[in-house]
N, C-alpha and C. Protein backbone atom coordinates (compact mmCIF):
# COMPACT_ATOMS: atom_id res chain seq x y z
N MET A 1 -70.29 -56.22 29.31
CA MET A 1 -71.78 -55.70 28.51
C MET A 1 -71.28 -54.46 28.18
N GLN A 2 -70.74 -53.73 29.62
CA GLN A 2 -70.85 -52.19 29.53
C GLN A 2 -70.29 -51.76 28.46
N ASP A 3 -68.82 -52.06 28.46
CA ASP A 3 -67.68 -51.76 27.03
C ASP A 3 -68.60 -52.05 25.64
N ALA A 4 -69.01 -53.24 25.89
CA ALA A 4 -69.85 -53.41 24.44
C ALA A 4 -71.01 -52.28 24.06
N VAL A 5 -71.90 -51.86 25.00
CA VAL A 5 -73.03 -50.88 25.08
C VAL A 5 -72.15 -49.53 24.48
N LEU A 6 -71.29 -49.13 25.21
CA LEU A 6 -70.09 -48.13 24.82
C LEU A 6 -69.96 -47.92 23.62
N ALA A 7 -69.45 -48.96 22.90
CA ALA A 7 -68.93 -49.15 21.75
C ALA A 7 -70.02 -48.88 20.61
N MET A 8 -71.17 -49.71 20.79
CA MET A 8 -72.24 -49.16 19.92
C MET A 8 -72.69 -47.98 19.97
N LEU A 9 -72.46 -47.29 20.88
CA LEU A 9 -72.71 -45.98 21.21
C LEU A 9 -71.80 -44.98 20.43
N ALA A 10 -70.88 -45.53 20.27
CA ALA A 10 -69.58 -44.76 19.57
C ALA A 10 -69.97 -44.49 18.04
N LYS A 11 -70.76 -45.21 17.80
CA LYS A 11 -71.05 -45.20 16.14
C LYS A 11 -72.25 -44.08 16.01
N GLU A 12 -73.24 -44.58 17.07
CA GLU A 12 -74.19 -43.39 16.74
C GLU A 12 -74.87 -43.14 18.23
N PRO A 13 -75.46 -42.03 18.55
CA PRO A 13 -76.49 -42.45 19.60
C PRO A 13 -77.58 -43.17 19.43
N SER A 14 -78.28 -43.80 20.44
CA SER A 14 -79.29 -44.81 20.03
C SER A 14 -80.21 -45.03 21.32
N HIS A 15 -81.40 -45.42 20.73
CA HIS A 15 -82.45 -45.86 21.70
C HIS A 15 -81.91 -47.31 22.48
N GLY A 16 -82.65 -47.45 23.72
CA GLY A 16 -82.44 -48.65 24.64
C GLY A 16 -82.75 -49.86 23.69
N TYR A 17 -83.58 -50.04 23.11
CA TYR A 17 -84.31 -51.16 22.29
C TYR A 17 -83.60 -51.43 20.87
N HIS A 18 -82.82 -50.31 20.33
CA HIS A 18 -81.87 -50.74 19.21
C HIS A 18 -80.41 -50.96 19.52
N LEU A 19 -79.96 -50.39 20.75
CA LEU A 19 -78.89 -51.32 21.28
C LEU A 19 -79.18 -52.33 21.32
N ARG A 20 -79.98 -52.99 22.05
CA ARG A 20 -79.82 -54.57 22.60
C ARG A 20 -80.42 -55.13 21.34
N ALA A 21 -81.26 -54.84 20.44
CA ALA A 21 -81.10 -55.56 19.04
C ALA A 21 -80.06 -55.67 18.49
N ARG A 22 -79.18 -54.69 18.28
CA ARG A 22 -77.95 -54.70 17.78
C ARG A 22 -76.79 -55.51 18.01
N LEU A 23 -76.89 -55.57 20.07
CA LEU A 23 -76.06 -56.48 20.57
C LEU A 23 -76.55 -58.14 20.30
N GLN A 24 -77.41 -58.22 19.96
CA GLN A 24 -78.43 -59.71 20.07
C GLN A 24 -77.81 -60.12 18.52
N ARG A 25 -77.99 -58.94 17.81
CA ARG A 25 -77.48 -59.43 16.29
C ARG A 25 -76.46 -59.86 16.07
N SER A 26 -75.26 -59.10 16.60
CA SER A 26 -74.07 -59.02 16.95
C SER A 26 -73.41 -60.69 17.68
N LEU A 27 -74.36 -60.96 18.49
CA LEU A 27 -74.06 -62.19 19.09
C LEU A 27 -74.77 -63.40 18.81
N GLY A 28 -75.56 -63.44 17.54
CA GLY A 28 -76.33 -64.62 17.17
C GLY A 28 -77.18 -65.38 18.25
N PRO A 29 -76.74 -66.55 17.85
CA PRO A 29 -77.75 -67.19 18.90
C PRO A 29 -77.47 -67.37 20.53
N LEU A 30 -76.13 -66.88 20.70
CA LEU A 30 -75.93 -66.63 22.07
C LEU A 30 -76.66 -65.22 22.87
N GLY A 31 -77.21 -64.36 21.81
CA GLY A 31 -77.78 -63.04 22.21
C GLY A 31 -79.11 -63.27 22.59
N GLY A 32 -79.69 -64.77 22.25
CA GLY A 32 -81.05 -64.82 22.90
C GLY A 32 -81.37 -64.70 23.97
N SER A 33 -80.25 -65.07 24.96
CA SER A 33 -80.24 -65.21 26.55
C SER A 33 -79.96 -64.00 27.21
N MET A 34 -80.09 -62.70 26.06
CA MET A 34 -80.11 -61.45 26.86
C MET A 34 -81.14 -61.11 27.72
N ASN A 35 -81.10 -60.62 28.62
CA ASN A 35 -82.35 -60.19 29.49
C ASN A 35 -82.43 -58.75 29.10
N PRO A 36 -84.01 -58.51 28.38
CA PRO A 36 -84.45 -57.56 27.86
C PRO A 36 -83.96 -55.82 28.99
N GLY A 37 -84.12 -56.29 30.10
CA GLY A 37 -84.14 -55.37 31.28
C GLY A 37 -82.51 -54.61 31.33
N GLN A 38 -81.54 -55.92 30.99
CA GLN A 38 -80.04 -55.59 30.98
C GLN A 38 -79.82 -54.22 30.58
N ILE A 39 -79.89 -54.12 29.24
CA ILE A 39 -79.19 -53.02 28.42
C ILE A 39 -80.03 -51.89 29.38
N TYR A 40 -81.37 -51.62 29.55
CA TYR A 40 -81.48 -50.50 30.46
C TYR A 40 -80.71 -50.18 31.81
N VAL A 41 -80.64 -51.30 32.54
CA VAL A 41 -79.78 -51.30 33.96
C VAL A 41 -78.10 -51.01 33.13
N THR A 42 -78.11 -51.54 32.43
CA THR A 42 -76.24 -51.19 32.04
C THR A 42 -76.44 -49.40 31.37
N LEU A 43 -77.53 -49.06 30.59
CA LEU A 43 -77.40 -47.78 30.28
C LEU A 43 -77.35 -46.90 31.45
N ALA A 44 -78.38 -47.16 32.69
CA ALA A 44 -78.56 -46.34 33.98
C ALA A 44 -77.19 -45.99 34.64
N ARG A 45 -76.77 -47.23 34.51
CA ARG A 45 -75.10 -47.37 35.29
C ARG A 45 -74.15 -46.51 34.51
N LEU A 46 -74.33 -46.54 33.30
CA LEU A 46 -73.07 -45.95 32.23
C LEU A 46 -73.54 -44.45 32.58
N GLU A 47 -74.47 -44.07 32.66
CA GLU A 47 -75.01 -42.40 32.70
C GLU A 47 -74.73 -42.04 34.34
N LYS A 48 -74.81 -42.81 35.39
CA LYS A 48 -74.57 -42.45 36.74
C LYS A 48 -72.94 -42.12 36.79
N ALA A 49 -72.26 -43.01 36.11
CA ALA A 49 -70.51 -43.19 35.87
C ALA A 49 -70.45 -41.80 35.06
N GLY A 50 -70.96 -41.28 34.29
CA GLY A 50 -70.81 -40.37 33.39
C GLY A 50 -70.01 -40.58 32.04
N LEU A 51 -70.52 -41.65 31.64
CA LEU A 51 -69.90 -42.24 30.68
C LEU A 51 -70.79 -41.90 29.23
N VAL A 52 -72.06 -41.80 29.47
CA VAL A 52 -73.43 -41.72 28.63
C VAL A 52 -74.09 -40.38 29.31
N VAL A 53 -74.85 -39.76 28.11
CA VAL A 53 -76.02 -38.89 28.60
C VAL A 53 -77.25 -39.25 28.06
N CYS A 54 -78.34 -39.01 28.73
CA CYS A 54 -79.80 -39.57 27.91
C CYS A 54 -80.42 -38.39 27.96
N GLU A 55 -80.83 -38.36 26.66
CA GLU A 55 -81.59 -37.22 26.02
C GLU A 55 -83.02 -37.56 25.76
N HIS A 56 -84.10 -36.64 26.10
CA HIS A 56 -85.52 -37.27 25.64
C HIS A 56 -85.63 -36.93 24.07
N ALA A 57 -86.20 -37.99 23.47
CA ALA A 57 -85.96 -37.63 22.26
C ALA A 57 -87.44 -37.06 21.34
N ASP A 58 -87.71 -36.65 20.82
CA ASP A 58 -89.29 -36.22 19.68
C ASP A 58 -89.38 -37.56 19.50
N GLY A 59 -90.42 -38.12 20.01
CA GLY A 59 -90.84 -39.33 19.34
C GLY A 59 -92.53 -39.32 18.99
N LEU A 60 -93.08 -40.67 18.80
CA LEU A 60 -94.35 -40.61 18.43
C LEU A 60 -95.42 -40.34 19.65
N PRO A 61 -96.47 -39.88 19.50
CA PRO A 61 -97.53 -39.20 20.80
C PRO A 61 -97.74 -40.70 21.68
N GLU A 62 -97.75 -41.78 21.49
CA GLU A 62 -97.87 -43.09 22.38
C GLU A 62 -96.41 -43.26 22.89
N ARG A 63 -94.98 -42.53 22.65
CA ARG A 63 -94.09 -42.53 23.30
C ARG A 63 -93.49 -41.63 23.52
N PRO A 64 -93.90 -40.35 24.18
CA PRO A 64 -93.22 -39.19 24.43
C PRO A 64 -91.97 -39.31 25.50
N GLU A 65 -91.81 -40.29 25.97
CA GLU A 65 -90.35 -40.19 26.95
C GLU A 65 -89.35 -41.03 26.47
N ARG A 66 -89.45 -41.10 24.97
CA ARG A 66 -88.00 -41.75 24.55
C ARG A 66 -86.89 -41.40 24.70
N LYS A 67 -85.92 -42.30 25.25
CA LYS A 67 -84.86 -41.58 25.46
C LYS A 67 -83.58 -41.88 24.52
N VAL A 68 -82.68 -40.98 24.10
CA VAL A 68 -81.72 -41.69 23.55
C VAL A 68 -80.42 -41.48 24.06
N TYR A 69 -79.40 -42.06 24.07
CA TYR A 69 -78.12 -42.30 25.14
C TYR A 69 -77.16 -41.87 23.78
N ALA A 70 -76.06 -41.10 24.16
CA ALA A 70 -75.07 -40.66 23.58
C ALA A 70 -73.83 -41.13 24.45
N LEU A 71 -72.58 -40.69 23.85
CA LEU A 71 -71.38 -41.02 24.86
C LEU A 71 -71.10 -39.60 25.03
N THR A 72 -70.10 -39.60 26.10
CA THR A 72 -69.54 -38.37 26.73
C THR A 72 -68.18 -38.54 26.11
N PRO A 73 -67.43 -37.45 26.56
CA PRO A 73 -65.77 -37.98 26.15
C PRO A 73 -65.32 -38.88 27.25
N ALA A 74 -65.66 -38.95 28.59
CA ALA A 74 -65.06 -39.95 29.00
C ALA A 74 -65.34 -41.30 28.71
N GLY A 75 -66.60 -41.62 28.44
CA GLY A 75 -67.28 -42.81 27.41
C GLY A 75 -66.44 -42.82 26.32
N GLN A 76 -66.04 -41.91 25.62
CA GLN A 76 -65.35 -42.24 24.33
C GLN A 76 -63.84 -43.04 24.53
N GLN A 77 -63.55 -42.14 25.57
CA GLN A 77 -62.08 -42.61 26.15
C GLN A 77 -61.98 -44.39 26.71
N ARG A 78 -63.29 -44.32 27.38
CA ARG A 78 -63.30 -45.76 27.56
C ARG A 78 -63.37 -46.75 26.51
N VAL A 79 -64.19 -46.76 25.61
CA VAL A 79 -64.14 -47.25 24.64
C VAL A 79 -62.87 -47.42 23.74
N SER A 80 -62.33 -46.58 23.79
CA SER A 80 -60.88 -46.79 23.15
C SER A 80 -59.95 -47.36 23.76
N ALA A 81 -59.90 -47.25 25.18
CA ALA A 81 -59.20 -48.02 26.07
C ALA A 81 -59.46 -49.55 26.01
N TRP A 82 -60.61 -49.84 26.01
CA TRP A 82 -61.41 -51.31 25.88
C TRP A 82 -60.94 -52.19 24.14
N LEU A 83 -60.85 -51.20 23.51
CA LEU A 83 -60.61 -51.84 21.96
C LEU A 83 -59.17 -51.94 22.13
N ALA A 84 -58.26 -51.24 22.72
CA ALA A 84 -56.64 -51.69 22.73
C ALA A 84 -56.35 -52.80 23.84
N GLU A 85 -57.27 -52.95 24.90
CA GLU A 85 -56.98 -54.16 25.87
C GLU A 85 -56.97 -55.26 25.22
N VAL A 86 -56.01 -56.19 25.53
CA VAL A 86 -55.81 -57.56 25.37
C VAL A 86 -56.16 -58.26 26.36
N GLY A 87 -57.34 -59.50 26.12
CA GLY A 87 -57.87 -60.08 27.39
C GLY A 87 -57.45 -61.53 27.45
N TRP A 88 -56.21 -61.70 28.61
CA TRP A 88 -56.26 -62.90 28.78
C TRP A 88 -55.31 -63.14 30.27
N PRO A 89 -55.81 -63.79 31.05
CA PRO A 89 -55.55 -65.62 30.50
C PRO A 89 -57.44 -66.31 30.47
N LYS A 90 -58.16 -65.48 31.09
CA LYS A 90 -60.11 -65.79 30.97
C LYS A 90 -60.35 -64.89 29.58
N PRO A 91 -60.16 -64.93 28.51
CA PRO A 91 -60.79 -64.32 27.30
C PRO A 91 -62.11 -65.11 27.22
N ASP A 92 -63.04 -63.70 27.21
CA ASP A 92 -64.47 -64.11 26.85
C ASP A 92 -64.64 -63.64 25.82
N LEU A 93 -65.05 -64.92 25.04
CA LEU A 93 -65.21 -64.96 23.44
C LEU A 93 -66.50 -64.30 23.03
N ALA A 94 -67.33 -64.06 23.99
CA ALA A 94 -68.60 -63.49 23.61
C ALA A 94 -68.16 -62.05 23.42
N GLU A 95 -67.68 -61.48 24.61
CA GLU A 95 -66.82 -60.24 24.53
C GLU A 95 -65.60 -59.89 23.41
N PHE A 96 -65.19 -60.76 23.25
CA PHE A 96 -63.96 -60.30 22.26
C PHE A 96 -64.87 -60.40 20.87
N HIS A 97 -65.62 -61.08 20.39
CA HIS A 97 -66.70 -61.14 19.26
C HIS A 97 -67.17 -59.33 19.28
N LEU A 98 -67.94 -58.97 20.41
CA LEU A 98 -68.44 -57.86 20.55
C LEU A 98 -67.43 -56.73 20.20
N LYS A 99 -66.23 -56.76 20.54
CA LYS A 99 -65.11 -56.05 20.52
C LYS A 99 -64.74 -56.07 19.02
N LEU A 100 -64.62 -56.96 18.26
CA LEU A 100 -64.44 -57.10 16.94
C LEU A 100 -65.59 -56.37 16.22
N VAL A 101 -66.91 -56.62 16.11
CA VAL A 101 -68.02 -55.90 15.73
C VAL A 101 -68.16 -54.67 16.08
N ALA A 102 -68.01 -54.41 17.36
CA ALA A 102 -67.78 -52.67 17.58
C ALA A 102 -66.64 -52.02 17.08
N ALA A 103 -65.63 -52.56 16.86
CA ALA A 103 -64.47 -51.96 16.29
C ALA A 103 -64.72 -51.74 14.64
N ALA A 104 -65.39 -52.82 14.20
CA ALA A 104 -65.50 -52.51 12.67
C ALA A 104 -66.62 -51.29 12.39
N ALA A 105 -67.67 -51.51 13.67
CA ALA A 105 -69.06 -50.69 13.23
C ALA A 105 -68.63 -49.21 13.42
N THR A 106 -67.85 -48.96 14.41
CA THR A 106 -67.12 -47.42 15.16
C THR A 106 -66.18 -47.20 14.19
N ARG A 107 -65.29 -47.94 13.43
CA ARG A 107 -64.02 -48.09 12.80
C ARG A 107 -63.20 -47.20 13.54
N LEU A 108 -63.06 -47.40 15.09
CA LEU A 108 -62.70 -46.84 15.90
C LEU A 108 -61.12 -47.64 16.10
N ALA A 109 -61.10 -49.10 15.62
CA ALA A 109 -59.87 -49.69 15.66
C ALA A 109 -60.32 -50.90 14.37
N ASP A 110 -59.29 -51.72 13.80
CA ASP A 110 -59.67 -52.57 12.85
C ASP A 110 -59.51 -54.13 13.27
N PRO A 111 -60.82 -54.39 13.19
CA PRO A 111 -60.84 -55.84 13.72
C PRO A 111 -59.74 -56.95 13.78
N VAL A 112 -59.15 -56.80 12.48
CA VAL A 112 -57.97 -57.74 12.05
C VAL A 112 -56.53 -57.57 12.66
N GLY A 113 -56.83 -56.16 13.32
CA GLY A 113 -55.64 -55.69 14.08
C GLY A 113 -55.61 -56.17 15.55
N LEU A 114 -56.87 -56.31 16.00
CA LEU A 114 -57.12 -56.92 17.39
C LEU A 114 -57.20 -58.08 17.51
N VAL A 115 -57.57 -59.01 16.50
CA VAL A 115 -57.08 -60.35 16.39
C VAL A 115 -55.62 -60.35 16.32
N ALA A 116 -54.82 -59.72 15.76
CA ALA A 116 -53.34 -59.90 15.74
C ALA A 116 -52.51 -59.72 17.13
N ALA A 117 -53.01 -58.60 17.46
CA ALA A 117 -52.95 -58.30 19.13
C ALA A 117 -53.17 -59.01 20.18
N GLN A 118 -54.35 -59.84 20.04
CA GLN A 118 -54.66 -60.91 20.96
C GLN A 118 -53.85 -62.31 20.50
N ARG A 119 -53.48 -62.70 19.20
CA ARG A 119 -52.92 -63.77 18.85
C ARG A 119 -51.10 -63.28 19.43
N ARG A 120 -50.75 -62.08 19.79
CA ARG A 120 -49.25 -61.79 20.03
C ARG A 120 -49.35 -62.34 21.64
N GLU A 121 -50.30 -61.90 22.30
CA GLU A 121 -50.46 -61.93 23.78
C GLU A 121 -50.58 -63.53 23.87
N LEU A 122 -51.64 -64.07 23.15
CA LEU A 122 -51.58 -65.83 23.61
C LEU A 122 -50.40 -66.53 23.08
N LEU A 123 -49.62 -66.16 21.77
CA LEU A 123 -48.34 -66.85 21.63
C LEU A 123 -47.12 -66.32 22.58
N ARG A 124 -47.43 -65.66 23.45
CA ARG A 124 -46.09 -65.18 24.59
C ARG A 124 -46.66 -65.84 25.81
N HIS A 125 -47.76 -66.08 26.02
CA HIS A 125 -48.24 -66.97 27.05
C HIS A 125 -48.09 -68.73 26.33
N LEU A 126 -48.41 -68.84 25.59
CA LEU A 126 -47.94 -70.41 25.14
C LEU A 126 -46.45 -70.62 25.23
N ARG A 127 -45.40 -69.36 24.69
CA ARG A 127 -44.55 -69.97 24.81
C ARG A 127 -43.87 -69.95 26.71
N GLU A 128 -44.78 -69.19 27.46
CA GLU A 128 -44.21 -69.33 28.75
C GLU A 128 -44.89 -70.59 29.33
N ALA A 129 -45.93 -71.10 29.09
CA ALA A 129 -46.70 -72.29 29.53
C ALA A 129 -45.50 -73.36 28.88
N GLN A 130 -45.25 -73.23 27.81
CA GLN A 130 -44.38 -74.44 27.27
C GLN A 130 -43.07 -74.55 27.83
N HIS A 131 -42.57 -73.69 28.19
CA HIS A 131 -41.40 -73.39 29.05
C HIS A 131 -41.20 -74.10 30.16
N ALA A 132 -42.64 -73.75 30.98
CA ALA A 132 -42.92 -74.17 32.16
C ALA A 132 -43.21 -75.48 32.19
N VAL A 133 -43.82 -76.15 31.26
CA VAL A 133 -43.50 -77.62 31.10
C VAL A 133 -42.58 -78.33 30.97
N LEU A 134 -41.42 -77.91 30.14
CA LEU A 134 -40.33 -78.44 30.27
C LEU A 134 -39.24 -78.42 31.37
N ALA A 135 -39.95 -77.25 32.27
CA ALA A 135 -38.85 -77.42 33.48
C ALA A 135 -39.54 -78.09 34.76
N GLU A 136 -40.66 -78.54 34.68
CA GLU A 136 -41.02 -79.53 35.58
C GLU A 136 -40.45 -80.78 35.49
N PRO A 137 -40.11 -81.43 36.52
CA PRO A 137 -39.42 -82.70 36.50
C PRO A 137 -40.44 -83.79 35.99
N ALA A 138 -39.86 -84.59 35.42
CA ALA A 138 -41.10 -85.86 34.84
C ALA A 138 -41.69 -86.37 36.07
N GLY A 139 -42.86 -86.69 35.64
CA GLY A 139 -43.79 -87.27 36.76
C GLY A 139 -44.50 -85.94 37.81
N SER A 140 -44.08 -84.62 37.38
CA SER A 140 -44.98 -83.83 38.08
C SER A 140 -46.46 -83.81 38.07
N PRO A 141 -47.22 -83.68 39.10
CA PRO A 141 -48.44 -83.32 38.82
C PRO A 141 -49.00 -82.24 38.07
N ALA A 142 -48.21 -81.15 38.42
CA ALA A 142 -48.04 -79.80 37.55
C ALA A 142 -48.01 -79.88 36.20
N VAL A 143 -47.15 -80.65 35.66
CA VAL A 143 -47.18 -80.80 33.88
C VAL A 143 -48.74 -81.17 33.32
N LEU A 144 -49.71 -81.92 34.10
CA LEU A 144 -50.78 -81.85 33.44
C LEU A 144 -51.82 -80.66 33.47
N LEU A 145 -51.65 -79.95 34.56
CA LEU A 145 -52.05 -78.69 34.44
C LEU A 145 -51.58 -77.72 33.32
N LEU A 146 -50.45 -77.85 33.12
CA LEU A 146 -49.64 -76.81 32.37
C LEU A 146 -49.68 -77.63 31.21
N GLU A 147 -49.94 -78.86 30.71
CA GLU A 147 -50.46 -79.28 29.31
C GLU A 147 -51.92 -78.86 29.08
N GLY A 148 -52.95 -78.46 29.85
CA GLY A 148 -54.22 -78.42 30.08
C GLY A 148 -54.09 -76.40 29.61
N VAL A 149 -53.27 -75.88 29.91
CA VAL A 149 -52.97 -74.44 29.59
C VAL A 149 -52.47 -74.29 28.29
N VAL A 150 -51.69 -75.38 27.83
CA VAL A 150 -50.98 -75.22 26.28
C VAL A 150 -52.05 -75.61 25.41
N LEU A 151 -52.89 -76.60 25.88
CA LEU A 151 -53.97 -77.24 24.69
C LEU A 151 -55.22 -75.83 24.62
N ARG A 152 -55.45 -75.26 25.98
CA ARG A 152 -56.33 -74.33 25.65
C ARG A 152 -55.76 -72.62 24.81
N LEU A 153 -54.88 -72.61 25.17
CA LEU A 153 -54.25 -71.69 24.40
C LEU A 153 -54.04 -72.10 22.79
N ARG A 154 -53.46 -73.18 22.54
CA ARG A 154 -53.55 -73.60 20.93
C ARG A 154 -54.83 -73.75 20.22
N ALA A 155 -56.02 -73.92 21.12
CA ALA A 155 -57.23 -73.80 20.96
C ALA A 155 -57.76 -72.33 20.39
N ASP A 156 -57.23 -71.63 21.72
CA ASP A 156 -57.72 -69.91 21.32
C ASP A 156 -57.31 -69.54 19.84
N LEU A 157 -56.13 -70.00 19.46
CA LEU A 157 -54.97 -69.35 18.48
C LEU A 157 -55.89 -69.94 17.33
N ARG A 158 -56.19 -71.06 17.36
CA ARG A 158 -56.83 -71.37 16.11
C ARG A 158 -58.54 -70.85 15.74
N TRP A 159 -59.35 -70.51 16.91
CA TRP A 159 -60.45 -69.60 16.94
C TRP A 159 -59.83 -68.28 16.41
N LEU A 160 -58.65 -67.41 16.71
CA LEU A 160 -58.21 -66.46 16.31
C LEU A 160 -58.20 -66.65 14.85
N GLU A 161 -57.35 -67.61 14.38
CA GLU A 161 -57.07 -67.56 12.82
C GLU A 161 -58.59 -67.43 12.16
N ALA A 162 -59.68 -68.07 12.64
CA ALA A 162 -60.91 -68.31 11.98
C ALA A 162 -61.27 -66.92 11.91
N CYS A 163 -61.20 -66.46 13.29
CA CYS A 163 -61.61 -64.63 13.06
C CYS A 163 -61.15 -64.19 12.33
N GLU A 164 -59.52 -64.02 12.46
CA GLU A 164 -59.15 -63.40 11.31
C GLU A 164 -59.32 -63.54 9.83
N ARG A 165 -59.51 -64.97 9.66
CA ARG A 165 -60.44 -65.28 8.07
C ARG A 165 -61.30 -64.47 7.66
N ALA A 166 -62.34 -64.62 9.03
CA ALA A 166 -63.90 -63.91 8.76
C ALA A 166 -63.89 -62.45 8.73
N TRP A 167 -63.03 -62.01 9.57
CA TRP A 167 -62.77 -60.22 9.42
C TRP A 167 -62.06 -59.60 8.27
N SER A 168 -61.34 -60.83 7.74
CA SER A 168 -60.64 -60.29 6.74
C SER A 168 -61.46 -60.04 5.25
N ALA A 169 -62.35 -60.81 5.35
CA ALA A 169 -63.35 -61.00 4.18
C ALA A 169 -64.49 -60.01 4.30
N VAL A 170 -64.83 -59.84 5.32
CA VAL A 170 -65.70 -58.45 5.47
C VAL A 170 -65.42 -57.03 5.25
N ASP A 171 -66.35 -56.62 4.14
CA ASP A 171 -65.86 -55.41 3.38
C ASP A 171 -66.85 -54.42 4.02
N ASP A 172 -67.89 -55.08 4.13
CA ASP A 172 -69.03 -54.12 4.77
C ASP A 172 -69.45 -54.17 6.33
N ASP A 173 -70.52 -53.14 6.47
CA ASP A 173 -70.75 -52.92 8.13
C ASP A 173 -71.21 -54.18 8.17
N PRO A 174 -70.75 -55.05 9.70
CA PRO A 174 -71.14 -56.43 10.19
C PRO A 174 -72.52 -56.28 10.52
N GLU A 175 -73.28 -55.04 10.63
CA GLU A 175 -74.52 -55.15 11.12
C GLU A 175 -75.43 -55.28 9.96
N ASP A 176 -74.86 -54.99 8.97
CA ASP A 176 -75.68 -55.33 7.49
C ASP A 176 -75.83 -56.61 7.28
N ALA A 177 -74.86 -57.70 7.81
CA ALA A 177 -74.50 -58.91 7.30
C ALA A 177 -75.70 -59.73 7.87
């Protein structure tokens, strides 16, 4: 969650409620379970870590304490590192989706390029798992576990194909969609 918030701030400084709305929109139905206070707790942690700064914005008279958050140089570095990171063996699909949305929105990385990097990593793990299956003796209980790993990797690769098709077709900012 922290990295996704930082990435959204890489596009532009923002209020907490605006960040939450952008994240919810990016996650679709999965974003409905996002706790409203979670974004503010995350922003406070990021500020304490020196990754964001908070400024009080001139707002409406009824909201004089309105805060706008922006990235620090350290926050920008962390976003760049997060976008370059390939996640496996436990890819978090929602986080990867947010990474694609953030990459497109901030133009810090190409979403299709991120999909390609993830695919290369999964293919490497798939080859390793397939070799491990072949190396096991017939009837070994480990074969079933290894076959499960192979099936999971194949399913993740099919999902990445769908991501690539979708992001290859996106010409506009995904937030406008």
